[in-house]
Amino acid sequence: MNWTDERVEKLKKLWAEGLSASQIAAQLGGVSRNAVIGKVHRLSLPGRAKAGGTNTAARTPKRNTSAPRAPNYASRVATRTVTRQQGATMLKEEIEIETIEEMEYVPRGNVVVPISRRLGLTELTERTCKWPVGDPLKDDFHFCGCESPDNSPYCSYHQKLAYQPVNERRRAAARAS
């Protein structure tokens, strides 16, 4: 679909009348709502007030809440560092964190934990356990490395941890709550 001079003039007229992009697209035919929005943007047509918005002339100017200062004193500006994620960068933010009640660890009896071979990522093979041990950001991070059975990324011990039957998970969740 080409934007002919006629269609552009009709678009400008309908836009000035206050029709939405969807309504304009329906009246023009053969063009999508997004195409109308894009053309309006490229033509730099003035924006319109949002539906249900207030009239800008009816707004009262914002009053300055601070007391006026003498001209020889510089005003104080309080800044606070706020962290917000923007693209691939992280900015600093101060947040309040609620502490969580610590749960008591009760080990099961007669559990045999295999001795880890402490392999690095490049040392893993198809036949080694890929269970991560420790914090990946620390130097002592490693993988279990014990021998794993066919078609499994984990050794028999870590399989029991990773693949729990549904009934056992439900019982554990019921005990926790």
Protein backbone atom coordinates (compact mmCIF):
# COMPACT_ATOMS: atom_id res chain seq x y z
CA MET A 1 0.00 0.00 0.00
CA ASN A 2 1.40 3.37 -1.02
CA TRP A 3 0.75 6.62 0.79
CA THR A 4 -0.66 8.80 -1.95
CA ASP A 5 -1.11 12.54 -1.45
CA GLU A 6 -4.88 12.01 -1.17
CA ARG A 7 -4.50 9.40 1.54
CA VAL A 8 -2.02 11.55 3.48
CA GLU A 9 -4.40 14.52 3.35
CA LYS A 10 -7.30 12.32 4.52
CA LEU A 11 -5.08 10.97 7.32
CA LYS A 12 -4.20 14.50 8.45
CA LYS A 13 -7.88 15.52 8.37
CA LEU A 14 -9.06 12.47 10.35
CA TRP A 15 -6.21 12.85 12.83
CA ALA A 16 -7.13 16.52 13.41
CA GLU A 17 -10.75 15.46 14.01
CA GLY A 18 -9.54 13.29 16.89
CA LEU A 19 -10.17 9.83 15.46
CA SER A 20 -8.09 6.96 16.81
CA ALA A 21 -5.46 5.22 14.69
CA SER A 22 -7.71 2.15 14.44
CA GLN A 23 -10.64 4.22 13.21
CA ILE A 24 -8.45 6.00 10.67
CA ALA A 25 -7.06 2.66 9.43
CA ALA A 26 -10.61 1.35 8.99
CA GLN A 27 -11.68 4.44 7.02
CA LEU A 28 -8.59 4.46 4.80
CA GLY A 29 -8.77 0.71 4.17
CA GLY A 30 -5.83 -1.51 3.27
CA VAL A 31 -3.66 -0.12 6.05
CA SER A 32 -3.03 -1.27 9.61
CA ARG A 33 -3.32 0.71 12.83
CA ASN A 34 0.47 0.56 13.24
CA ALA A 35 0.99 1.91 9.71
CA VAL A 36 -1.22 4.88 10.60
CA ILE A 37 0.72 5.48 13.82
CA GLY A 38 4.02 5.27 11.94
CA LYS A 39 2.88 7.71 9.26
CA VAL A 40 1.57 10.15 11.89
CA HIS A 41 4.95 9.99 13.58
CA ARG A 42 6.88 10.54 10.34
CA LEU A 43 4.63 13.48 9.45
CA SER A 44 5.25 14.90 12.95
CA LEU A 45 1.55 15.52 13.45
CA PRO A 46 0.71 17.00 16.86
CA GLY A 47 -0.30 14.55 19.57
CA ARG A 48 -3.72 14.54 21.10
CA ALA A 49 -4.93 14.53 24.71
CA LYS A 50 -5.47 11.11 26.21
CA ALA A 51 -9.04 9.90 26.63
CA GLY A 52 -10.41 10.88 30.03
CA GLY A 53 -7.57 13.30 30.62
CA THR A 54 -7.93 16.75 32.07
CA ASN A 55 -7.78 19.94 30.12
CA THR A 56 -4.30 21.44 30.33
CA ALA A 57 -5.70 24.97 30.70
CA ALA A 58 -7.82 23.87 33.67
CA ARG A 59 -4.80 22.60 35.59
CA THR A 60 -3.56 24.73 38.43
CA PRO A 61 0.15 25.43 38.52
CA LYS A 62 2.12 23.38 41.03
CA ARG A 63 2.93 25.32 44.13
CA ASN A 64 6.40 25.38 45.58
CA THR A 65 6.15 23.64 48.97
CA SER A 66 9.49 24.82 50.34
CA ALA A 67 9.79 28.16 52.07
CA PRO A 68 11.45 30.91 50.04
CA ARG A 69 15.14 31.34 50.77
CA ALA A 70 17.20 34.43 50.98
CA PRO A 71 19.03 35.04 47.69
CA ASN A 72 22.48 34.69 49.28
CA TYR A 73 21.87 31.04 50.41
CA ALA A 74 22.15 28.21 47.90
CA SER A 75 19.24 25.80 48.00
CA ARG A 76 19.97 22.31 49.27
CA VAL A 77 19.31 19.41 46.96
CA ALA A 78 18.86 15.97 48.52
CA THR A 79 19.78 13.16 46.16
CA ARG A 80 19.08 9.51 46.64
CA THR A 81 20.63 6.75 44.58
CA VAL A 82 17.98 4.62 42.93
CA THR A 83 18.68 1.36 41.07
CA ARG A 84 16.72 0.62 37.98
CA GLN A 85 17.52 -1.76 35.21
CA GLN A 86 17.96 -0.09 31.87
CA GLY A 87 18.95 -2.29 28.99
CA ALA A 88 22.11 -4.14 29.90
CA THR A 89 23.16 -1.72 32.64
CA MET A 90 22.25 -1.80 36.29
CA LEU A 91 21.99 1.32 38.38
CA LYS A 92 22.21 1.38 42.20
CA GLU A 93 19.04 1.19 44.29
CA GLU A 94 18.29 1.15 47.97
CA ILE A 95 15.55 -1.32 48.85
CA GLU A 96 14.05 -2.71 52.00
CA ILE A 97 14.32 -6.46 52.39
CA GLU A 98 12.11 -8.47 54.69
CA THR A 99 14.00 -11.15 56.54
CA ILE A 100 12.80 -14.71 56.21
CA GLU A 101 12.50 -17.02 59.14
CA GLU A 102 15.33 -19.56 59.11
CA MET A 103 14.31 -23.18 58.82
CA GLU A 104 16.07 -25.78 60.88
CA TYR A 105 17.92 -28.39 58.85
CA VAL A 106 17.23 -31.93 59.99
CA PRO A 107 19.43 -34.45 58.14
CA ARG A 108 18.02 -37.85 57.28
CA GLY A 109 19.66 -40.84 58.85
CA ASN A 110 21.70 -43.39 56.88
CA VAL A 111 22.33 -41.11 53.90
CA VAL A 112 25.55 -41.79 52.05
CA VAL A 113 26.84 -38.73 50.23
CA PRO A 114 29.30 -39.62 47.46
CA ILE A 115 32.72 -38.01 47.49
CA SER A 116 32.78 -35.34 44.82
CA ARG A 117 35.54 -35.46 42.19
CA ARG A 118 35.45 -31.61 42.09
CA LEU A 119 35.55 -31.20 38.31
CA GLY A 120 35.57 -27.88 36.47
CA LEU A 121 33.23 -27.13 33.58
CA THR A 122 35.80 -28.02 30.93
CA GLU A 123 36.51 -31.39 32.60
CA LEU A 124 32.91 -32.68 32.39
CA THR A 125 32.03 -35.49 29.98
CA GLU A 126 28.84 -37.31 29.01
CA ARG A 127 29.48 -39.87 31.74
CA THR A 128 30.13 -37.45 34.65
CA CYS A 129 27.66 -35.92 37.10
CA LYS A 130 26.93 -32.28 36.30
CA TRP A 131 25.50 -31.34 39.71
CA PRO A 132 26.82 -27.85 40.60
CA VAL A 133 28.38 -27.46 44.03
CA GLY A 134 28.89 -24.04 45.64
CA ASP A 135 28.54 -20.49 44.40
CA PRO A 136 29.40 -20.02 40.71
CA LEU A 137 30.95 -16.63 41.52
CA LYS A 138 33.45 -18.13 43.99
CA ASP A 139 36.76 -19.81 43.21
CA ASP A 140 35.82 -23.09 44.92
CA PHE A 141 32.81 -23.71 42.63
CA HIS A 142 32.86 -27.14 40.99
CA PHE A 143 30.70 -29.99 39.71
CA CYS A 144 30.19 -33.34 41.42
CA GLY A 145 31.94 -35.30 38.65
CA CYS A 146 30.98 -38.79 39.88
CA GLU A 147 30.06 -41.36 37.26
CA SER A 148 26.51 -40.98 35.96
CA PRO A 149 24.36 -43.77 34.52
CA ASP A 150 23.27 -43.78 30.87
CA ASN A 151 21.02 -40.92 29.68
CA SER A 152 21.32 -38.92 32.90
CA PRO A 153 23.25 -35.75 33.67
CA TYR A 154 23.52 -36.71 37.38
CA CYS A 155 24.96 -39.52 39.47
CA SER A 156 22.52 -41.83 41.30
CA TYR A 157 22.70 -39.72 44.50
CA HIS A 158 21.95 -36.41 42.77
CA GLN A 159 19.22 -38.05 40.65
CA LYS A 160 17.32 -38.70 43.89
CA LEU A 161 17.60 -35.02 44.78
CA ALA A 162 16.67 -33.71 41.34
CA TYR A 163 13.91 -36.14 40.39
CA GLN A 164 11.61 -36.50 43.37
CA PRO A 165 8.27 -38.33 43.01
CA VAL A 166 5.22 -36.06 43.12
CA ASN A 167 3.87 -37.55 46.37
CA GLU A 168 7.11 -36.87 48.24
CA ARG A 169 7.14 -33.24 47.04
CA ARG A 170 3.56 -32.76 48.20
CA ARG A 171 4.35 -34.23 51.64
CA ALA A 172 7.42 -31.99 51.96
CA ALA A 173 5.38 -28.92 50.98
CA ALA A 174 2.65 -29.84 53.48
CA ARG A 175 5.24 -30.23 56.27
CA ALA A 176 6.80 -26.86 55.41
CA SER A 177 3.49 -24.97 55.62
